[in-house]
Amino acid sequence: MIIVAGNTTSDDFAPAANDHGFVYAVDFNGNWVWGKFYYNQSYAVQTISGCQLDARNRLIVYGMCNSMPVVLDLDPLTGNVG
C-alpha cells in the first residue's frame, strides 16, 4: 500500500475551505483503499506534517490541531484511529 498525507484548503476536496490535514491509501495498482480527515472534537486537524510505521505496524501521524500538536495512532489498513 502507498500512504499519502498532506494538507488542503480546497472546498471541493475537504469538508470546508479552511485548512484540513488528510491521509489516504492506495494499493500498488492505484486503486483507492481509504481516505480520511481527522477531528479532535469540533476542531479539524489542520496540518499533517509526517507519518511513519511504528514497531507494531501502526501508522503514527504527526500534525497540528487548534494550534496544538497531535499524534494519531492509525490502523494502516483502514485509517481508523486507535
Protein backbone atom coordinates (compact mmCIF):
# COMPACT_ATOMS: atom_id res chain seq x y z
CA MET A 1 0.00 0.00 0.00
CA ILE A 2 1.05 3.58 -0.64
CA ILE A 3 0.06 6.05 2.09
CA VAL A 4 -0.04 9.78 1.39
CA ALA A 5 -0.54 12.57 3.94
CA GLY A 6 -0.90 16.28 3.39
CA ASN A 7 -2.92 19.47 3.81
CA THR A 8 -5.66 21.09 1.76
CA THR A 9 -7.74 24.26 1.74
CA SER A 10 -9.85 23.12 -1.22
CA ASP A 11 -13.60 23.34 -0.57
CA ASP A 12 -14.30 20.64 -3.19
CA PHE A 13 -11.95 18.11 -1.55
CA ALA A 14 -12.10 18.92 2.17
CA PRO A 15 -15.33 19.30 4.16
CA ALA A 16 -14.83 23.11 4.16
CA ALA A 17 -12.44 25.72 2.73
CA ASN A 18 -10.41 26.01 5.96
CA ASP A 19 -7.19 24.01 6.47
CA HIS A 20 -7.64 20.24 6.74
CA GLY A 21 -4.96 17.59 7.07
CA PHE A 22 -5.72 14.33 5.29
CA VAL A 23 -4.32 10.83 4.90
CA TYR A 24 -5.21 8.35 2.18
CA ALA A 25 -4.05 4.97 0.95
CA VAL A 26 -3.95 3.38 -2.49
CA ASP A 27 -2.87 -0.11 -3.40
CA PHE A 28 0.06 -0.79 -5.75
CA ASN A 29 -2.34 -0.82 -8.72
CA GLY A 30 -3.50 2.72 -7.91
CA ASN A 31 -6.88 1.65 -6.51
CA TRP A 32 -8.32 3.76 -3.68
CA VAL A 33 -8.26 1.88 -0.34
CA TRP A 34 -9.28 4.58 2.16
CA GLY A 35 -9.03 8.31 2.81
CA LYS A 36 -9.85 10.40 5.86
CA PHE A 37 -9.86 13.82 7.52
CA TYR A 38 -9.47 13.85 11.29
CA TYR A 39 -11.04 15.94 14.05
CA ASN A 40 -10.41 16.46 17.77
CA GLN A 41 -13.96 17.05 18.94
CA SER A 42 -15.03 20.03 16.79
CA TYR A 43 -11.53 21.11 15.64
CA ALA A 44 -10.10 19.83 12.37
CA VAL A 45 -6.57 18.51 12.31
CA GLN A 46 -5.26 21.44 10.28
CA THR A 47 -1.89 20.14 9.18
CA ILE A 48 -0.26 16.76 8.88
CA SER A 49 3.50 17.08 8.67
CA GLY A 50 4.66 13.48 8.81
CA CYS A 51 3.86 9.83 9.30
CA GLN A 52 5.71 6.58 9.90
CA LEU A 53 5.06 2.95 10.73
CA ASP A 54 6.00 2.01 14.27
CA ALA A 55 7.30 -1.33 15.59
CA ARG A 56 3.69 -2.61 15.88
CA ASN A 57 2.98 -1.75 12.21
CA ARG A 58 0.67 1.07 13.29
CA LEU A 59 0.69 4.29 11.28
CA ILE A 60 1.77 7.20 13.50
CA VAL A 61 0.73 10.60 12.10
CA TYR A 62 2.04 13.95 13.36
CA GLY A 63 0.15 17.21 12.93
CA MET A 64 -1.42 20.32 14.44
CA CYS A 65 -4.97 20.84 15.69
CA ASN A 66 -6.21 24.13 17.21
CA SER A 67 -2.56 25.30 17.45
CA MET A 68 -1.62 22.21 19.50
CA PRO A 69 0.50 19.25 18.35
CA VAL A 70 -1.34 15.97 17.79
CA VAL A 71 -0.18 12.41 17.30
CA LEU A 72 -2.61 9.98 15.72
CA ASP A 73 -2.24 6.20 16.01
CA LEU A 74 -3.92 4.74 12.92
CA ASP A 75 -4.64 1.28 11.60
CA PRO A 76 -2.85 1.40 8.22
CA LEU A 77 -5.38 -0.99 6.64
CA THR A 78 -8.44 1.15 7.47
CA GLY A 79 -7.23 4.60 8.57
CA ASN A 80 -9.21 4.25 11.81
CA VAL A 81 -7.83 5.86 14.97
CA GLY A 82 -6.77 3.71 17.87
